[in-house]
Amino acid sequence: MMYDDDELDRALAALPLEEPPPGLHARILAGTVYRPRAPFRAWEVWVLGTCIAFAVWLAWLVVATPGTGEAIRTAGQRTIEVFGLSSLTTLAWLAVGASAAYWISQLSFPKRPAAAR
């Protein structure tokens, strides 16, 4: 049998169609458009997992090796002294600077009207 495109279109249009299952449209929308967003992005999950893995490894190192906790504490104290963070004045200025940076980042300025530009 030879059909041209118009005859094929008519034959396809004449086929009886089966009724879609009830709720198909709602299920498709729920799975695509109305699907809730993931609470975390993939990179956030990876960073959190890496931090947890590092914390577990460090805890195991402290527990499994005698004297490691003391060595880590000593290294931390030396680092604090080398960077000058043992001074209360330095810590106060760091707190003031961090606070100022935070509050300045929270400022919002109204947009200027187009005529003033």
PDB file of N, CA and C in Angstrom:
ATOM      1  N   MET A   1       0.827  -1.174   0.000  1.00  0.00           N
ATOM      2  CA  MET A   1       0.000   0.000   0.000  1.00  0.00           C
ATOM      3  C   MET A   1       0.876   1.243   0.000  1.00  0.00           C
ATOM      4  N   MET A   2       0.495   2.187  -0.783  1.00  0.00           N
ATOM      5  CA  MET A   2       1.195   3.456  -0.866  1.00  0.00           C
ATOM      6  C   MET A   2       0.272   4.554  -0.357  1.00  0.00           C
ATOM      7  N   TYR A   3       0.752   5.278   0.641  1.00  0.00           N
ATOM      8  CA  TYR A   3      -0.016   6.400   1.182  1.00  0.00           C
ATOM      9  C   TYR A   3       0.825   7.661   1.060  1.00  0.00           C
ATOM     10  N   ASP A   4       0.166   8.743   0.775  1.00  0.00           N
ATOM     11  CA  ASP A   4       0.890  10.006   0.848  1.00  0.00           C
ATOM     12  C   ASP A   4       0.716  10.568   2.265  1.00  0.00           C
ATOM     13  N   ASP A   5       1.334  11.686   2.536  1.00  0.00           N
ATOM     14  CA  ASP A   5       1.340  12.226   3.894  1.00  0.00           C
ATOM     15  C   ASP A   5      -0.062  12.584   4.376  1.00  0.00           C
ATOM     16  N   ASP A   6      -0.874  13.132   3.504  1.00  0.00           N
ATOM     17  CA  ASP A   6      -2.228  13.513   3.922  1.00  0.00           C
ATOM     18  C   ASP A   6      -3.051  12.288   4.299  1.00  0.00           C
ATOM     19  N   GLU A   7      -2.925  11.220   3.541  1.00  0.00           N
ATOM     20  CA  GLU A   7      -3.680   9.998   3.863  1.00  0.00           C
ATOM     21  C   GLU A   7      -3.184   9.385   5.170  1.00  0.00           C
ATOM     22  N   LEU A   8      -1.878   9.426   5.402  1.00  0.00           N
ATOM     23  CA  LEU A   8      -1.340   8.910   6.668  1.00  0.00           C
ATOM     24  C   LEU A   8      -1.838   9.746   7.844  1.00  0.00           C
ATOM     25  N   ASP A   9      -1.877  11.052   7.687  1.00  0.00           N
ATOM     26  CA  ASP A   9      -2.385  11.914   8.754  1.00  0.00           C
ATOM     27  C   ASP A   9      -3.842  11.606   9.045  1.00  0.00           C
ATOM     28  N   ARG A  10      -4.647  11.411   8.017  1.00  0.00           N
ATOM     29  CA  ARG A  10      -6.062  11.081   8.231  1.00  0.00           C
ATOM     30  C   ARG A  10      -6.205   9.721   8.895  1.00  0.00           C
ATOM     31  N   ALA A  11      -5.382   8.751   8.492  1.00  0.00           N
ATOM     32  CA  ALA A  11      -5.465   7.412   9.082  1.00  0.00           C
ATOM     33  C   ALA A  11      -5.066   7.460  10.559  1.00  0.00           C
ATOM     34  N   LEU A  12      -4.032   8.227  10.886  1.00  0.00           N
ATOM     35  CA  LEU A  12      -3.621   8.346  12.285  1.00  0.00           C
ATOM     36  C   LEU A  12      -4.673   9.077  13.106  1.00  0.00           C
ATOM     37  N   ALA A  13      -5.296  10.095  12.532  1.00  0.00           N
ATOM     38  CA  ALA A  13      -6.328  10.844  13.251  1.00  0.00           C
ATOM     39  C   ALA A  13      -7.572   9.995  13.462  1.00  0.00           C
ATOM     40  N   ALA A  14      -7.806   9.022  12.599  1.00  0.00           N
ATOM     41  CA  ALA A  14      -8.996   8.184  12.728  1.00  0.00           C
ATOM     42  C   ALA A  14      -8.816   7.063  13.745  1.00  0.00           C
ATOM     43  N   LEU A  15      -7.603   6.820  14.200  1.00  0.00           N
ATOM     44  CA  LEU A  15      -7.373   5.751  15.180  1.00  0.00           C
ATOM     45  C   LEU A  15      -8.063   6.098  16.498  1.00  0.00           C
ATOM     46  N   PRO A  16      -8.682   5.110  17.142  1.00  0.00           N
ATOM     47  CA  PRO A  16      -9.294   5.385  18.438  1.00  0.00           C
ATOM     48  C   PRO A  16      -8.188   5.525  19.500  1.00  0.00           C
ATOM     49  N   LEU A  17      -8.294   6.568  20.290  1.00  0.00           N
ATOM     50  CA  LEU A  17      -7.303   6.810  21.336  1.00  0.00           C
ATOM     51  C   LEU A  17      -7.804   6.264  22.662  1.00  0.00           C
ATOM     52  N   GLU A  18      -6.888   5.711  23.428  1.00  0.00           N
ATOM     53  CA  GLU A  18      -7.228   5.206  24.755  1.00  0.00           C
ATOM     54  C   GLU A  18      -7.230   6.376  25.729  1.00  0.00           C
ATOM     55  N   GLU A  19      -8.109   6.340  26.686  1.00  0.00           N
ATOM     56  CA  GLU A  19      -8.199   7.398  27.690  1.00  0.00           C
ATOM     57  C   GLU A  19      -6.966   7.339  28.600  1.00  0.00           C
ATOM     58  N   PRO A  20      -6.402   8.493  28.928  1.00  0.00           N
ATOM     59  CA  PRO A  20      -5.259   8.472  29.847  1.00  0.00           C
ATOM     60  C   PRO A  20      -5.721   8.066  31.244  1.00  0.00           C
ATOM     61  N   PRO A  21      -4.813   7.508  32.023  1.00  0.00           N
ATOM     62  CA  PRO A  21      -5.183   7.129  33.392  1.00  0.00           C
ATOM     63  C   PRO A  21      -5.588   8.363  34.193  1.00  0.00           C
ATOM     64  N   PRO A  22      -6.459   8.171  35.165  1.00  0.00           N
ATOM     65  CA  PRO A  22      -6.887   9.338  35.951  1.00  0.00           C
ATOM     66  C   PRO A  22      -5.705   9.941  36.735  1.00  0.00           C
ATOM     67  N   GLY A  23      -5.626  11.257  36.739  1.00  0.00           N
ATOM     68  CA  GLY A  23      -4.583  11.952  37.485  1.00  0.00           C
ATOM     69  C   GLY A  23      -3.237  12.001  36.793  1.00  0.00           C
ATOM     70  N   LEU A  24      -3.168  11.616  35.510  1.00  0.00           N
ATOM     71  CA  LEU A  24      -1.883  11.608  34.805  1.00  0.00           C
ATOM     72  C   LEU A  24      -1.316  13.017  34.690  1.00  0.00           C
ATOM     73  N   HIS A  25      -2.143  13.960  34.341  1.00  0.00           N
ATOM     74  CA  HIS A  25      -1.685  15.342  34.194  1.00  0.00           C
ATOM     75  C   HIS A  25      -1.136  15.870  35.520  1.00  0.00           C
ATOM     76  N   ALA A  26      -1.831  15.621  36.613  1.00  0.00           N
ATOM     77  CA  ALA A  26      -1.381  16.086  37.929  1.00  0.00           C
ATOM     78  C   ALA A  26      -0.066  15.413  38.327  1.00  0.00           C
ATOM     79  N   ARG A  27       0.092  14.133  38.016  1.00  0.00           N
ATOM     80  CA  ARG A  27       1.337  13.427  38.360  1.00  0.00           C
ATOM     81  C   ARG A  27       2.509  13.958  37.550  1.00  0.00           C
ATOM     82  N   ILE A  28       2.273  14.283  36.279  1.00  0.00           N
ATOM     83  CA  ILE A  28       3.348  14.822  35.449  1.00  0.00           C
ATOM     84  C   ILE A  28       3.771  16.190  35.974  1.00  0.00           C
ATOM     85  N   LEU A  29       2.803  17.029  36.314  1.00  0.00           N
ATOM     86  CA  LEU A  29       3.142  18.349  36.858  1.00  0.00           C
ATOM     87  C   LEU A  29       3.843  18.234  38.211  1.00  0.00           C
ATOM     88  N   ALA A  30       3.409  17.309  39.043  1.00  0.00           N
ATOM     89  CA  ALA A  30       4.032  17.135  40.355  1.00  0.00           C
ATOM     90  C   ALA A  30       5.476  16.655  40.215  1.00  0.00           C
ATOM     91  N   GLY A  31       5.770  15.885  39.181  1.00  0.00           N
ATOM     92  CA  GLY A  31       7.122  15.381  38.989  1.00  0.00           C
ATOM     93  C   GLY A  31       8.043  16.337  38.274  1.00  0.00           C
ATOM     94  N   THR A  32       7.499  17.372  37.644  1.00  0.00           N
ATOM     95  CA  THR A  32       8.341  18.286  36.877  1.00  0.00           C
ATOM     96  C   THR A  32       8.254  19.714  37.409  1.00  0.00           C
ATOM     97  N   VAL A  33       7.155  20.373  37.177  1.00  0.00           N
ATOM     98  CA  VAL A  33       7.034  21.797  37.470  1.00  0.00           C
ATOM     99  C   VAL A  33       6.892  22.052  38.959  1.00  0.00           C
ATOM    100  N   TYR A  34       6.064  21.283  39.638  1.00  0.00           N
ATOM    101  CA  TYR A  34       5.765  21.548  41.046  1.00  0.00           C
ATOM    102  C   TYR A  34       6.652  20.775  42.008  1.00  0.00           C
ATOM    103  N   ARG A  35       7.696  20.136  41.499  1.00  0.00           N
ATOM    104  CA  ARG A  35       8.582  19.364  42.368  1.00  0.00           C
ATOM    105  C   ARG A  35       9.305  20.312  43.316  1.00  0.00           C
ATOM    106  N   PRO A  36       9.369  19.985  44.620  1.00  0.00           N
ATOM    107  CA  PRO A  36      10.051  20.881  45.564  1.00  0.00           C
ATOM    108  C   PRO A  36      11.554  20.906  45.291  1.00  0.00           C
ATOM    109  N   ARG A  37      12.142  22.065  45.554  1.00  0.00           N
ATOM    110  CA  ARG A  37      13.584  22.204  45.372  1.00  0.00           C
ATOM    111  C   ARG A  37      14.324  21.400  46.426  1.00  0.00           C
ATOM    112  N   ALA A  38      15.492  20.935  46.072  1.00  0.00           N
ATOM    113  CA  ALA A  38      16.329  20.215  47.027  1.00  0.00           C
ATOM    114  C   ALA A  38      16.781  21.193  48.113  1.00  0.00           C
ATOM    115  N   PRO A  39      16.817  20.761  49.371  1.00  0.00           N
ATOM    116  CA  PRO A  39      17.199  21.692  50.441  1.00  0.00           C
ATOM    117  C   PRO A  39      18.661  22.125  50.366  1.00  0.00           C
ATOM    118  N   PHE A  40      19.530  21.311  49.753  1.00  0.00           N
ATOM    119  CA  PHE A  40      20.946  21.638  49.652  1.00  0.00           C
ATOM    120  C   PHE A  40      21.407  21.428  48.225  1.00  0.00           C
ATOM    121  N   ARG A  41      22.388  22.223  47.813  1.00  0.00           N
ATOM    122  CA  ARG A  41      23.008  22.012  46.510  1.00  0.00           C
ATOM    123  C   ARG A  41      24.044  20.909  46.641  1.00  0.00           C
ATOM    124  N   ALA A  42      24.458  20.353  45.508  1.00  0.00           N
ATOM    125  CA  ALA A  42      25.401  19.223  45.528  1.00  0.00           C
ATOM    126  C   ALA A  42      26.738  19.631  46.138  1.00  0.00           C
ATOM    127  N   TRP A  43      27.239  20.818  45.823  1.00  0.00           N
ATOM    128  CA  TRP A  43      28.543  21.208  46.350  1.00  0.00           C
ATOM    129  C   TRP A  43      28.483  21.424  47.859  1.00  0.00           C
ATOM    130  N   GLU A  44      27.324  21.856  48.372  1.00  0.00           N
ATOM    131  CA  GLU A  44      27.192  22.030  49.814  1.00  0.00           C
ATOM    132  C   GLU A  44      27.254  20.688  50.534  1.00  0.00           C
ATOM    133  N   VAL A  45      26.640  19.686  49.939  1.00  0.00           N
ATOM    134  CA  VAL A  45      26.680  18.342  50.536  1.00  0.00           C
ATOM    135  C   VAL A  45      28.110  17.811  50.526  1.00  0.00           C
ATOM    136  N   TRP A  46      28.841  18.048  49.430  1.00  0.00           N
ATOM    137  CA  TRP A  46      30.229  17.582  49.358  1.00  0.00           C
ATOM    138  C   TRP A  46      31.111  18.284  50.388  1.00  0.00           C
ATOM    139  N   VAL A  47      30.935  19.591  50.548  1.00  0.00           N
ATOM    140  CA  VAL A  47      31.744  20.333  51.531  1.00  0.00           C
ATOM    141  C   VAL A  47      31.436  19.848  52.946  1.00  0.00           C
ATOM    142  N   LEU A  48      30.148  19.685  53.252  1.00  0.00           N
ATOM    143  CA  LEU A  48      29.764  19.205  54.572  1.00  0.00           C
ATOM    144  C   LEU A  48      30.305  17.793  54.825  1.00  0.00           C
ATOM    145  N   GLY A  49      30.204  16.926  53.843  1.00  0.00           N
ATOM    146  CA  GLY A  49      30.739  15.566  53.984  1.00  0.00           C
ATOM    147  C   GLY A  49      32.240  15.560  54.191  1.00  0.00           C
ATOM    148  N   THR A  50      32.936  16.426  53.466  1.00  0.00           N
ATOM    149  CA  THR A  50      34.391  16.514  53.628  1.00  0.00           C
ATOM    150  C   THR A  50      34.756  17.007  55.019  1.00  0.00           C
ATOM    151  N   CYS A  51      34.039  18.017  55.512  1.00  0.00           N
ATOM    152  CA  CYS A  51      34.315  18.527  56.863  1.00  0.00           C
ATOM    153  C   CYS A  51      34.039  17.471  57.930  1.00  0.00           C
ATOM    154  N   ILE A  52      32.950  16.735  57.769  1.00  0.00           N
ATOM    155  CA  ILE A  52      32.637  15.677  58.734  1.00  0.00           C
ATOM    156  C   ILE A  52      33.699  14.588  58.682  1.00  0.00           C
ATOM    157  N   ALA A  53      34.124  14.204  57.475  1.00  0.00           N
ATOM    158  CA  ALA A  53      35.158  13.171  57.343  1.00  0.00           C
ATOM    159  C   ALA A  53      36.464  13.625  57.991  1.00  0.00           C
ATOM    160  N   PHE A  54      36.823  14.897  57.800  1.00  0.00           N
ATOM    161  CA  PHE A  54      38.044  15.419  58.422  1.00  0.00           C
ATOM    162  C   PHE A  54      37.923  15.423  59.939  1.00  0.00           C
ATOM    163  N   ALA A  55      36.755  15.807  60.452  1.00  0.00           N
ATOM    164  CA  ALA A  55      36.555  15.828  61.907  1.00  0.00           C
ATOM    165  C   ALA A  55      36.631  14.423  62.489  1.00  0.00           C
ATOM    166  N   VAL A  56      36.047  13.459  61.794  1.00  0.00           N
ATOM    167  CA  VAL A  56      36.106  12.067  62.274  1.00  0.00           C
ATOM    168  C   VAL A  56      37.548  11.565  62.247  1.00  0.00           C
ATOM    169  N   TRP A  57      38.262  11.883  61.162  1.00  0.00           N
ATOM    170  CA  TRP A  57      39.660  11.450  61.081  1.00  0.00           C
ATOM    171  C   TRP A  57      40.488  12.078  62.199  1.00  0.00           C
ATOM    172  N   LEU A  58      40.285  13.354  62.464  1.00  0.00           N
ATOM    173  CA  LEU A  58      41.036  14.037  63.515  1.00  0.00           C
ATOM    174  C   LEU A  58      40.689  13.454  64.889  1.00  0.00           C
ATOM    175  N   ALA A  59      39.418  13.170  65.120  1.00  0.00           N
ATOM    176  CA  ALA A  59      39.024  12.563  66.392  1.00  0.00           C
ATOM    177  C   ALA A  59      39.665  11.189  66.548  1.00  0.00           C
ATOM    178  N   TRP A  60      39.681  10.407  65.481  1.00  0.00           N
ATOM    179  CA  TRP A  60      40.304   9.082  65.547  1.00  0.00           C
ATOM    180  C   TRP A  60      41.810   9.214  65.792  1.00  0.00           C
ATOM    181  N   LEU A  61      42.436  10.181  65.176  1.00  0.00           N
ATOM    182  CA  LEU A  61      43.868  10.398  65.377  1.00  0.00           C
ATOM    183  C   LEU A  61      44.162  10.739  66.831  1.00  0.00           C
ATOM    184  N   VAL A  62      43.349  11.586  67.428  1.00  0.00           N
ATOM    185  CA  VAL A  62      43.553  11.988  68.822  1.00  0.00           C
ATOM    186  C   VAL A  62      43.349  10.803  69.756  1.00  0.00           C
ATOM    187  N   VAL A  63      42.334   9.997  69.482  1.00  0.00           N
ATOM    188  CA  VAL A  63      42.025   8.860  70.355  1.00  0.00           C
ATOM    189  C   VAL A  63      43.041   7.737  70.172  1.00  0.00           C
ATOM    190  N   ALA A  64      43.447   7.469  68.936  1.00  0.00           N
ATOM    191  CA  ALA A  64      44.280   6.295  68.658  1.00  0.00           C
ATOM    192  C   ALA A  64      45.759   6.524  68.953  1.00  0.00           C
ATOM    193  N   THR A  65      46.231   7.747  68.892  1.00  0.00           N
ATOM    194  CA  THR A  65      47.655   8.006  69.074  1.00  0.00           C
ATOM    195  C   THR A  65      47.868   8.775  70.369  1.00  0.00           C
ATOM    196  N   PRO A  66      48.594   8.192  71.321  1.00  0.00           N
ATOM    197  CA  PRO A  66      48.819   8.915  72.574  1.00  0.00           C
ATOM    198  C   PRO A  66      49.693  10.149  72.347  1.00  0.00           C
ATOM    199  N   GLY A  67      49.325  11.240  72.990  1.00  0.00           N
ATOM    200  CA  GLY A  67      50.099  12.468  72.887  1.00  0.00           C
ATOM    201  C   GLY A  67      49.726  13.341  71.704  1.00  0.00           C
ATOM    202  N   THR A  68      48.855  12.866  70.808  1.00  0.00           N
ATOM    203  CA  THR A  68      48.486  13.663  69.636  1.00  0.00           C
ATOM    204  C   THR A  68      47.648  14.865  70.042  1.00  0.00           C
ATOM    205  N   GLY A  69      46.758  14.674  70.997  1.00  0.00           N
ATOM    206  CA  GLY A  69      45.927  15.781  71.454  1.00  0.00           C
ATOM    207  C   GLY A  69      46.771  16.914  72.014  1.00  0.00           C
ATOM    208  N   GLU A  70      47.774  16.563  72.785  1.00  0.00           N
ATOM    209  CA  GLU A  70      48.682  17.575  73.353  1.00  0.00           C
ATOM    210  C   GLU A  70      49.472  18.269  72.240  1.00  0.00           C
ATOM    211  N   ALA A  71      49.904  17.515  71.232  1.00  0.00           N
ATOM    212  CA  ALA A  71      50.665  18.110  70.127  1.00  0.00           C
ATOM    213  C   ALA A  71      49.791  19.059  69.312  1.00  0.00           C
ATOM    214  N   ILE A  72      48.547  18.687  69.087  1.00  0.00           N
ATOM    215  CA  ILE A  72      47.632  19.552  68.335  1.00  0.00           C
ATOM    216  C   ILE A  72      47.345  20.821  69.129  1.00  0.00           C
ATOM    217  N   ARG A  73      47.125  20.693  70.433  1.00  0.00           N
ATOM    218  CA  ARG A  73      46.874  21.859  71.271  1.00  0.00           C
ATOM    219  C   ARG A  73      48.071  22.800  71.267  1.00  0.00           C
ATOM    220  N   THR A  74      49.273  22.245  71.386  1.00  0.00           N
ATOM    221  CA  THR A  74      50.490  23.054  71.381  1.00  0.00           C
ATOM    222  C   THR A  74      50.670  23.761  70.040  1.00  0.00           C
ATOM    223  N   ALA A  75      50.427  23.052  68.945  1.00  0.00           N
ATOM    224  CA  ALA A  75      50.547  23.668  67.619  1.00  0.00           C
ATOM    225  C   ALA A  75      49.528  24.783  67.457  1.00  0.00           C
ATOM    226  N   GLY A  76      48.322  24.586  67.968  1.00  0.00           N
ATOM    227  CA  GLY A  76      47.299  25.631  67.905  1.00  0.00           C
ATOM    228  C   GLY A  76      47.699  26.861  68.688  1.00  0.00           C
ATOM    229  N   GLN A  77      48.267  26.646  69.876  1.00  0.00           N
ATOM    230  CA  GLN A  77      48.716  27.783  70.688  1.00  0.00           C
ATOM    231  C   GLN A  77      49.839  28.539  69.997  1.00  0.00           C
ATOM    232  N   ARG A  78      50.763  27.816  69.392  1.00  0.00           N
ATOM    233  CA  ARG A  78      51.862  28.480  68.683  1.00  0.00           C
ATOM    234  C   ARG A  78      51.336  29.287  67.500  1.00  0.00           C
ATOM    235  N   THR A  79      50.383  28.731  66.783  1.00  0.00           N
ATOM    236  CA  THR A  79      49.808  29.441  65.638  1.00  0.00           C
ATOM    237  C   THR A  79      49.125  30.723  66.087  1.00  0.00           C
ATOM    238  N   ILE A  80      48.392  30.640  67.181  1.00  0.00           N
ATOM    239  CA  ILE A  80      47.716  31.829  67.707  1.00  0.00           C
ATOM    240  C   ILE A  80      48.737  32.891  68.103  1.00  0.00           C
ATOM    241  N   GLU A  81      49.830  32.483  68.721  1.00  0.00           N
ATOM    242  CA  GLU A  81      50.855  33.445  69.134  1.00  0.00           C
ATOM    243  C   GLU A  81      51.601  34.023  67.942  1.00  0.00           C
ATOM    244  N   VAL A  82      51.874  33.195  66.931  1.00  0.00           N
ATOM    245  CA  VAL A  82      52.605  33.675  65.751  1.00  0.00           C
ATOM    246  C   VAL A  82      51.794  34.731  65.012  1.00  0.00           C
ATOM    247  N   PHE A  83      50.490  34.526  64.885  1.00  0.00           N
ATOM    248  CA  PHE A  83      49.646  35.483  64.178  1.00  0.00           C
ATOM    249  C   PHE A  83      49.205  36.637  65.061  1.00  0.00           C
ATOM    250  N   GLY A  84      49.651  36.680  66.284  1.00  0.00           N
ATOM    251  CA  GLY A  84      49.354  37.798  67.161  1.00  0.00           C
ATOM    252  C   GLY A  84      47.944  37.794  67.705  1.00  0.00           C
ATOM    253  N   LEU A  85      47.284  36.655  67.709  1.00  0.00           N
ATOM    254  CA  LEU A  85      45.906  36.590  68.171  1.00  0.00           C
ATOM    255  C   LEU A  85      45.793  36.352  69.677  1.00  0.00           C
ATOM    256  N   SER A  86      46.910  36.397  70.379  1.00  0.00           N
ATOM    257  CA  SER A  86      46.856  36.212  71.827  1.00  0.00           C
ATOM    258  C   SER A  86      46.616  37.535  72.546  1.00  0.00           C
ATOM    259  N   SER A  87      46.690  38.636  71.829  1.00  0.00           N
ATOM    260  CA  SER A  87      46.466  39.952  72.417  1.00  0.00           C
ATOM    261  C   SER A  87      44.971  40.271  72.411  1.00  0.00           C
ATOM    262  N   LEU A  88      44.464  40.727  73.543  1.00  0.00           N
ATOM    263  CA  LEU A  88      43.043  41.079  73.626  1.00  0.00           C
ATOM    264  C   LEU A  88      42.714  42.274  72.739  1.00  0.00           C
ATOM    265  N   THR A  89      43.654  43.185  72.588  1.00  0.00           N
ATOM    266  CA  THR A  89      43.430  44.351  71.732  1.00  0.00           C
ATOM    267  C   THR A  89      43.244  43.917  70.274  1.00  0.00           C
ATOM    268  N   THR A  90      44.081  42.997  69.831  1.00  0.00           N
ATOM    269  CA  THR A  90      43.960  42.495  68.460  1.00  0.00           C
ATOM    270  C   THR A  90      42.625  41.804  68.258  1.00  0.00           C
ATOM    271  N   LEU A  91      42.236  40.982  69.216  1.00  0.00           N
ATOM    272  CA  LEU A  91      40.953  40.283  69.105  1.00  0.00           C
ATOM    273  C   LEU A  91      39.788  41.267  69.109  1.00  0.00           C
ATOM    274  N   ALA A  92      39.889  42.323  69.908  1.00  0.00           N
ATOM    275  CA  ALA A  92      38.823  43.331  69.939  1.00  0.00           C
ATOM    276  C   ALA A  92      38.709  44.030  68.587  1.00  0.00           C
ATOM    277  N   TRP A  93      39.848  44.425  67.987  1.00  0.00           N
ATOM    278  CA  TRP A  93      39.798  45.093  66.690  1.00  0.00           C
ATOM    279  C   TRP A  93      39.300  44.150  65.603  1.00  0.00           C
ATOM    280  N   LEU A  94      39.641  42.877  65.670  1.00  0.00           N
ATOM    281  CA  LEU A  94      39.108  41.906  64.708  1.00  0.00           C
ATOM    282  C   LEU A  94      37.591  41.795  64.840  1.00  0.00           C
ATOM    283  N   ALA A  95      37.104  41.799  66.076  1.00  0.00           N
ATOM    284  CA  ALA A  95      35.656  41.728  66.289  1.00  0.00           C
ATOM    285  C   ALA A  95      34.973  42.982  65.763  1.00  0.00           C
ATOM    286  N   VAL A  96      35.558  44.140  66.001  1.00  0.00           N
ATOM    287  CA  VAL A  96      34.983  45.398  65.494  1.00  0.00           C
ATOM    288  C   VAL A  96      34.970  45.392  63.968  1.00  0.00           C
ATOM    289  N   GLY A  97      36.052  44.968  63.359  1.00  0.00           N
ATOM    290  CA  GLY A  97      36.126  44.923  61.891  1.00  0.00           C
ATOM    291  C   GLY A  97      35.130  43.947  61.288  1.00  0.00           C
ATOM    292  N   ALA A  98      35.018  42.755  61.882  1.00  0.00           N
ATOM    293  CA  ALA A  98      34.065  41.769  61.365  1.00  0.00           C
ATOM    294  C   ALA A  98      32.636  42.263  61.538  1.00  0.00           C
ATOM    295  N   SER A  99      32.350  42.888  62.672  1.00  0.00           N
ATOM    296  CA  SER A  99      31.019  43.424  62.905  1.00  0.00           C
ATOM    297  C   SER A  99      30.698  44.539  61.915  1.00  0.00           C
ATOM    298  N   ALA A 100      31.644  45.433  61.681  1.00  0.00           N
ATOM    299  CA  ALA A 100      31.424  46.522  60.724  1.00  0.00           C
ATOM    300  C   ALA A 100      31.211  45.979  59.316  1.00  0.00           C
ATOM    301  N   ALA A 101      32.005  44.990  58.931  1.00  0.00           N
ATOM    302  CA  ALA A 101      31.841  44.409  57.603  1.00  0.00           C
ATOM    303  C   ALA A 101      30.471  43.761  57.458  1.00  0.00           C
ATOM    304  N   TYR A 102      30.009  43.080  58.492  1.00  0.00           N
ATOM    305  CA  TYR A 102      28.689  42.441  58.434  1.00  0.00           C
ATOM    306  C   TYR A 102      27.586  43.480  58.302  1.00  0.00           C
ATOM    307  N   TRP A 103      27.609  44.493  59.154  1.00  0.00           N
ATOM    308  CA  TRP A 103      26.526  45.474  59.143  1.00  0.00           C
ATOM    309  C   TRP A 103      26.538  46.329  57.889  1.00  0.00           C
ATOM    310  N   ILE A 104      27.703  46.635  57.365  1.00  0.00           N
ATOM    311  CA  ILE A 104      27.761  47.382  56.106  1.00  0.00           C
ATOM    312  C   ILE A 104      27.207  46.539  54.960  1.00  0.00           C
ATOM    313  N   SER A 105      27.460  45.227  54.991  1.00  0.00           N
ATOM    314  CA  SER A 105      26.918  44.367  53.927  1.00  0.00           C
ATOM    315  C   SER A 105      25.402  44.242  54.009  1.00  0.00           C
ATOM    316  N   GLN A 106      24.808  44.561  55.158  1.00  0.00           N
ATOM    317  CA  GLN A 106      23.352  44.476  55.310  1.00  0.00           C
ATOM    318  C   GLN A 106      22.629  45.745  54.882  1.00  0.00           C
ATOM    319  N   LEU A 107      23.374  46.824  54.597  1.00  0.00           N
ATOM    320  CA  LEU A 107      22.751  48.081  54.196  1.00  0.00           C
ATOM    321  C   LEU A 107      22.109  47.939  52.818  1.00  0.00           C
ATOM    322  N   SER A 108      20.983  48.587  52.633  1.00  0.00           N
ATOM    323  CA  SER A 108      20.366  48.631  51.312  1.00  0.00           C
ATOM    324  C   SER A 108      20.092  50.086  50.979  1.00  0.00           C
ATOM    325  N   PHE A 109      20.389  50.463  49.772  1.00  0.00           N
ATOM    326  CA  PHE A 109      20.225  51.831  49.326  1.00  0.00           C
ATOM    327  C   PHE A 109      19.078  51.893  48.323  1.00  0.00           C
ATOM    328  N   PRO A 110      18.222  52.902  48.425  1.00  0.00           N
ATOM    329  CA  PRO A 110      17.130  53.021  47.460  1.00  0.00           C
ATOM    330  C   PRO A 110      17.680  53.353  46.071  1.00  0.00           C
ATOM    331  N   LYS A 111      16.974  52.895  45.069  1.00  0.00           N
ATOM    332  CA  LYS A 111      17.397  53.196  43.702  1.00  0.00           C
ATOM    333  C   LYS A 111      17.097  54.651  43.382  1.00  0.00           C
ATOM    334  N   ARG A 112      17.990  55.263  42.640  1.00  0.00           N
ATOM    335  CA  ARG A 112      17.771  56.637  42.236  1.00  0.00           C
ATOM    336  C   ARG A 112      16.769  56.669  41.082  1.00  0.00           C
ATOM    337  N   PRO A 113      15.953  57.691  41.020  1.00  0.00           N
ATOM    338  CA  PRO A 113      15.026  57.813  39.891  1.00  0.00           C
ATOM    339  C   PRO A 113      15.801  57.979  38.591  1.00  0.00           C
ATOM    340  N   ALA A 114      15.162  57.582  37.504  1.00  0.00           N
ATOM    341  CA  ALA A 114      15.814  57.642  36.194  1.00  0.00           C
ATOM    342  C   ALA A 114      16.158  59.079  35.808  1.00  0.00           C
ATOM    343  N   ALA A 115      15.378  60.061  36.264  1.00  0.00           N
ATOM    344  CA  ALA A 115      15.631  61.458  35.908  1.00  0.00           C
ATOM    345  C   ALA A 115      16.915  61.985  36.554  1.00  0.00           C
ATOM    346  N   ALA A 116      17.292  61.431  37.700  1.00  0.00           N
ATOM    347  CA  ALA A 116      18.478  61.904  38.414  1.00  0.00           C
ATOM    348  C   ALA A 116      19.764  61.317  37.832  1.00  0.00           C
ATOM    349  N   ARG A 117      19.654  60.315  37.042  1.00  0.00           N
ATOM    350  CA  ARG A 117      20.848  59.669  36.493  1.00  0.00           C
ATOM    351  C   ARG A 117      21.457  60.449  35.415  1.00  0.00           C
TER     352      ARG A 117
END
